[in-house]
Amino acid sequence: MNLAPRKPRLVLFGAGPIGQAFAAQFALLPFQVEAYDARPDLSDHAVILTEADMVEAAACLEDGDYALIATHSHDLDYRIAAAILKAGRPKFVGMVGSRGKRDRMVTRLAADGFSDETIAQLNCPVGIAGLKGKTPEVIAVSTAAQVLGSAE
């Protein structure tokens, strides 16, 4: 009988270089990591789904899950984030991007009827503010620290 508590689930949307760095970093931490991508050439790093199925998976996250979004497409990032925020169950939602990308996402979410309170749940750019470095590994370490800080 295993009485160990269940590890929190971290779902990665995107398995490119940053998604792979996320997976490697979070594998060292107490998380159950799942990764999804729509690009067949990334099948060694993720479960391959259609973009529509990735959005559906995002809508089906469970209470207390963590989600990180780093796909190849800003539009797909938006659709995944909107599905996660609409469902309202994950403990943490992070998206790789610039402040400009965040501004565009916020504007679009507001136009689609999301409240300011709901929009504020989106952590974009993800990671600890002020940490220098844009390599996938630095982004992953910074994001892991941010996620761990949100874990109570």
C-alpha atoms as a PDB file:
ATOM      1  CA  MET A   1       0.000   0.000   0.000  1.00  0.00           C
ATOM      2  CA  ASN A   2       1.383   3.391  -1.026  1.00  0.00           C
ATOM      3  CA  LEU A   3       0.365   6.165   1.347  1.00  0.00           C
ATOM      4  CA  ALA A   4       2.466   8.852  -0.303  1.00  0.00           C
ATOM      5  CA  PRO A   5       0.433  11.876  -1.332  1.00  0.00           C
ATOM      6  CA  ARG A   6      -0.266  12.362  -5.018  1.00  0.00           C
ATOM      7  CA  LYS A   7       2.175  14.690  -6.717  1.00  0.00           C
ATOM      8  CA  PRO A   8       0.571  17.802  -8.182  1.00  0.00           C
ATOM      9  CA  ARG A   9       0.098  17.592 -11.934  1.00  0.00           C
ATOM     10  CA  LEU A  10       1.929  20.033 -14.189  1.00  0.00           C
ATOM     11  CA  VAL A  11       0.602  20.092 -17.747  1.00  0.00           C
ATOM     12  CA  LEU A  12       2.842  21.526 -20.442  1.00  0.00           C
ATOM     13  CA  PHE A  13       1.287  22.817 -23.636  1.00  0.00           C
ATOM     14  CA  GLY A  14       4.180  22.897 -26.089  1.00  0.00           C
ATOM     15  CA  ALA A  15       7.219  20.646 -26.291  1.00  0.00           C
ATOM     16  CA  GLY A  16       9.682  22.757 -28.226  1.00  0.00           C
ATOM     17  CA  PRO A  17      12.968  23.845 -26.639  1.00  0.00           C
ATOM     18  CA  ILE A  18      11.330  25.720 -23.744  1.00  0.00           C
ATOM     19  CA  GLY A  19       8.760  22.987 -23.145  1.00  0.00           C
ATOM     20  CA  GLN A  20      11.544  20.411 -23.073  1.00  0.00           C
ATOM     21  CA  ALA A  21      13.482  22.525 -20.574  1.00  0.00           C
ATOM     22  CA  PHE A  22      10.318  22.808 -18.450  1.00  0.00           C
ATOM     23  CA  ALA A  23       9.876  19.024 -18.549  1.00  0.00           C
ATOM     24  CA  ALA A  24      13.491  18.403 -17.545  1.00  0.00           C
ATOM     25  CA  GLN A  25      13.393  20.956 -14.708  1.00  0.00           C
ATOM     26  CA  PHE A  26      10.054  19.863 -13.273  1.00  0.00           C
ATOM     27  CA  ALA A  27      11.036  16.176 -13.485  1.00  0.00           C
ATOM     28  CA  LEU A  28      13.521  17.002 -10.702  1.00  0.00           C
ATOM     29  CA  LEU A  29      10.730  18.410  -8.530  1.00  0.00           C
ATOM     30  CA  PRO A  30       7.675  16.863  -6.871  1.00  0.00           C
ATOM     31  CA  PHE A  31       5.391  17.167  -9.899  1.00  0.00           C
ATOM     32  CA  GLN A  32       3.724  14.684 -12.221  1.00  0.00           C
ATOM     33  CA  VAL A  33       4.587  16.172 -15.629  1.00  0.00           C
ATOM     34  CA  GLU A  34       2.489  15.729 -18.779  1.00  0.00           C
ATOM     35  CA  ALA A  35       3.316  17.383 -22.097  1.00  0.00           C
ATOM     36  CA  TYR A  36       1.166  17.971 -25.168  1.00  0.00           C
ATOM     37  CA  ASP A  37       2.055  19.332 -28.585  1.00  0.00           C
ATOM     38  CA  ALA A  38       0.499  19.382 -32.046  1.00  0.00           C
ATOM     39  CA  ARG A  39       3.753  18.903 -33.959  1.00  0.00           C
ATOM     40  CA  PRO A  40       4.361  15.243 -34.882  1.00  0.00           C
ATOM     41  CA  ASP A  41       8.152  15.681 -34.903  1.00  0.00           C
ATOM     42  CA  LEU A  42       8.019  16.231 -31.105  1.00  0.00           C
ATOM     43  CA  SER A  43       6.521  12.809 -30.331  1.00  0.00           C
ATOM     44  CA  ASP A  44       9.626  11.872 -28.307  1.00  0.00           C
ATOM     45  CA  HIS A  45       8.830  14.729 -25.903  1.00  0.00           C
ATOM     46  CA  ALA A  46       5.037  14.942 -25.765  1.00  0.00           C
ATOM     47  CA  VAL A  47       1.720  13.328 -26.460  1.00  0.00           C
ATOM     48  CA  ILE A  48       0.740  14.554 -29.922  1.00  0.00           C
ATOM     49  CA  LEU A  49      -2.761  15.996 -30.182  1.00  0.00           C
ATOM     50  CA  THR A  50      -4.505  18.182 -32.711  1.00  0.00           C
ATOM     51  CA  GLU A  51      -4.660  21.858 -31.764  1.00  0.00           C
ATOM     52  CA  ALA A  52      -8.389  21.455 -31.065  1.00  0.00           C
ATOM     53  CA  ASP A  53      -7.663  18.526 -28.744  1.00  0.00           C
ATOM     54  CA  MET A  54      -4.989  20.557 -26.944  1.00  0.00           C
ATOM     55  CA  VAL A  55      -7.599  23.256 -26.276  1.00  0.00           C
ATOM     56  CA  GLU A  56     -10.027  20.585 -25.060  1.00  0.00           C
ATOM     57  CA  ALA A  57      -7.344  19.139 -22.759  1.00  0.00           C
ATOM     58  CA  ALA A  58      -6.776  22.638 -21.384  1.00  0.00           C
ATOM     59  CA  ALA A  59     -10.477  22.989 -20.616  1.00  0.00           C
ATOM     60  CA  CYS A  60     -10.398  19.677 -18.729  1.00  0.00           C
ATOM     61  CA  LEU A  61      -7.624  20.424 -16.263  1.00  0.00           C
ATOM     62  CA  GLU A  62      -8.504  19.497 -12.705  1.00  0.00           C
ATOM     63  CA  ASP A  63      -8.637  21.466  -9.475  1.00  0.00           C
ATOM     64  CA  GLY A  64      -5.125  22.212  -8.291  1.00  0.00           C
ATOM     65  CA  ASP A  65      -3.332  21.414 -11.564  1.00  0.00           C
ATOM     66  CA  TYR A  66      -0.536  23.638 -12.831  1.00  0.00           C
ATOM     67  CA  ALA A  67      -0.335  24.646 -16.493  1.00  0.00           C
ATOM     68  CA  LEU A  68       2.475  26.129 -18.569  1.00  0.00           C
ATOM     69  CA  ILE A  69       1.887  27.311 -22.125  1.00  0.00           C
ATOM     70  CA  ALA A  70       4.760  27.469 -24.615  1.00  0.00           C
ATOM     71  CA  THR A  71       3.418  26.441 -28.017  1.00  0.00           C
ATOM     72  CA  HIS A  72       4.631  27.425 -31.474  1.00  0.00           C
ATOM     73  CA  SER A  73       1.651  29.745 -32.044  1.00  0.00           C
ATOM     74  CA  HIS A  74       0.412  32.884 -30.266  1.00  0.00           C
ATOM     75  CA  ASP A  75      -3.129  32.069 -31.399  1.00  0.00           C
ATOM     76  CA  LEU A  76      -2.922  28.554 -29.967  1.00  0.00           C
ATOM     77  CA  ASP A  77      -1.419  29.970 -26.763  1.00  0.00           C
ATOM     78  CA  TYR A  78      -4.433  32.275 -26.527  1.00  0.00           C
ATOM     79  CA  ARG A  79      -6.995  29.526 -27.127  1.00  0.00           C
ATOM     80  CA  ILE A  80      -5.333  27.288 -24.518  1.00  0.00           C
ATOM     81  CA  ALA A  81      -5.111  30.097 -21.953  1.00  0.00           C
ATOM     82  CA  ALA A  82      -8.731  31.107 -22.543  1.00  0.00           C
ATOM     83  CA  ALA A  83      -9.897  27.505 -22.081  1.00  0.00           C
ATOM     84  CA  ILE A  84      -7.931  27.161 -18.845  1.00  0.00           C
ATOM     85  CA  LEU A  85      -9.130  30.489 -17.464  1.00  0.00           C
ATOM     86  CA  LYS A  86     -12.745  29.783 -18.429  1.00  0.00           C
ATOM     87  CA  ALA A  87     -12.665  26.437 -16.590  1.00  0.00           C
ATOM     88  CA  GLY A  88     -11.079  28.138 -13.584  1.00  0.00           C
ATOM     89  CA  ARG A  89      -9.650  25.060 -11.894  1.00  0.00           C
ATOM     90  CA  PRO A  90      -5.834  25.182 -12.165  1.00  0.00           C
ATOM     91  CA  LYS A  91      -3.760  26.504  -9.316  1.00  0.00           C
ATOM     92  CA  PHE A  92      -1.274  28.203 -11.662  1.00  0.00           C
ATOM     93  CA  VAL A  93      -1.386  29.267 -15.316  1.00  0.00           C
ATOM     94  CA  GLY A  94       1.845  30.488 -16.900  1.00  0.00           C
ATOM     95  CA  MET A  95       2.658  31.493 -20.458  1.00  0.00           C
ATOM     96  CA  VAL A  96       6.001  32.118 -22.093  1.00  0.00           C
ATOM     97  CA  GLY A  97       6.132  35.518 -23.740  1.00  0.00           C
ATOM     98  CA  SER A  98       7.073  39.138 -23.629  1.00  0.00           C
ATOM     99  CA  ARG A  99       5.271  41.997 -21.942  1.00  0.00           C
ATOM    100  CA  GLY A 100       3.952  42.932 -25.395  1.00  0.00           C
ATOM    101  CA  LYS A 101       2.497  39.449 -25.830  1.00  0.00           C
ATOM    102  CA  ARG A 102       0.935  39.752 -22.389  1.00  0.00           C
ATOM    103  CA  ASP A 103      -0.637  43.090 -23.322  1.00  0.00           C
ATOM    104  CA  ARG A 104      -2.126  41.568 -26.489  1.00  0.00           C
ATOM    105  CA  MET A 105      -3.433  38.555 -24.550  1.00  0.00           C
ATOM    106  CA  VAL A 106      -4.985  40.767 -21.850  1.00  0.00           C
ATOM    107  CA  THR A 107      -6.687  42.955 -24.458  1.00  0.00           C
ATOM    108  CA  ARG A 108      -8.066  39.913 -26.266  1.00  0.00           C
ATOM    109  CA  LEU A 109      -9.239  38.212 -23.053  1.00  0.00           C
ATOM    110  CA  ALA A 110     -11.004  41.401 -21.945  1.00  0.00           C
ATOM    111  CA  ALA A 111     -12.665  41.748 -25.363  1.00  0.00           C
ATOM    112  CA  ASP A 112     -13.868  38.140 -25.015  1.00  0.00           C
ATOM    113  CA  GLY A 113     -15.547  38.971 -21.694  1.00  0.00           C
ATOM    114  CA  PHE A 114     -13.039  37.737 -19.130  1.00  0.00           C
ATOM    115  CA  SER A 115     -13.037  39.709 -15.877  1.00  0.00           C
ATOM    116  CA  ASP A 116      -9.954  41.559 -14.645  1.00  0.00           C
ATOM    117  CA  GLU A 117      -9.786  39.107 -11.737  1.00  0.00           C
ATOM    118  CA  THR A 118      -9.714  36.120 -14.079  1.00  0.00           C
ATOM    119  CA  ILE A 119      -7.196  37.736 -16.434  1.00  0.00           C
ATOM    120  CA  ALA A 120      -4.903  38.429 -13.461  1.00  0.00           C
ATOM    121  CA  GLN A 121      -4.529  34.667 -13.001  1.00  0.00           C
ATOM    122  CA  LEU A 122      -2.458  34.479 -16.202  1.00  0.00           C
ATOM    123  CA  ASN A 123       1.247  34.714 -15.406  1.00  0.00           C
ATOM    124  CA  CYS A 124       2.843  36.093 -18.557  1.00  0.00           C
ATOM    125  CA  PRO A 125       5.692  36.468 -19.005  1.00  0.00           C
ATOM    126  CA  VAL A 126       6.231  33.449 -16.810  1.00  0.00           C
ATOM    127  CA  GLY A 127       9.153  33.311 -14.389  1.00  0.00           C
ATOM    128  CA  ILE A 128      10.657  35.525 -11.748  1.00  0.00           C
ATOM    129  CA  ALA A 129      10.690  39.171 -12.794  1.00  0.00           C
ATOM    130  CA  GLY A 130      14.154  40.613 -13.163  1.00  0.00           C
ATOM    131  CA  LEU A 131      15.968  37.311 -13.626  1.00  0.00           C
ATOM    132  CA  LYS A 132      18.317  37.800 -16.562  1.00  0.00           C
ATOM    133  CA  GLY A 133      18.647  35.236 -19.311  1.00  0.00           C
ATOM    134  CA  LYS A 134      16.459  34.030 -22.140  1.00  0.00           C
ATOM    135  CA  THR A 135      17.777  30.524 -22.707  1.00  0.00           C
ATOM    136  CA  PRO A 136      15.233  27.722 -22.246  1.00  0.00           C
ATOM    137  CA  GLU A 137      17.102  26.459 -19.181  1.00  0.00           C
ATOM    138  CA  VAL A 138      17.078  29.856 -17.445  1.00  0.00           C
ATOM    139  CA  ILE A 139      13.393  30.324 -18.246  1.00  0.00           C
ATOM    140  CA  ALA A 140      12.684  26.839 -16.839  1.00  0.00           C
ATOM    141  CA  VAL A 141      14.571  27.438 -13.581  1.00  0.00           C
ATOM    142  CA  SER A 142      12.947  30.842 -13.130  1.00  0.00           C
ATOM    143  CA  THR A 143       9.507  29.394 -13.836  1.00  0.00           C
ATOM    144  CA  ALA A 144      10.063  26.471 -11.470  1.00  0.00           C
ATOM    145  CA  ALA A 145      10.934  28.917  -8.699  1.00  0.00           C
ATOM    146  CA  GLN A 146       7.792  30.933  -9.440  1.00  0.00           C
ATOM    147  CA  VAL A 147       5.588  27.827  -9.473  1.00  0.00           C
ATOM    148  CA  LEU A 148       7.102  26.512  -6.253  1.00  0.00           C
ATOM    149  CA  GLY A 149       6.493  29.924  -4.679  1.00  0.00           C
ATOM    150  CA  SER A 150       2.818  29.674  -5.622  1.00  0.00           C
ATOM    151  CA  ALA A 151       2.467  26.179  -4.171  1.00  0.00           C
ATOM    152  CA  GLU A 152       1.977  27.448  -0.596  1.00  0.00           C
END
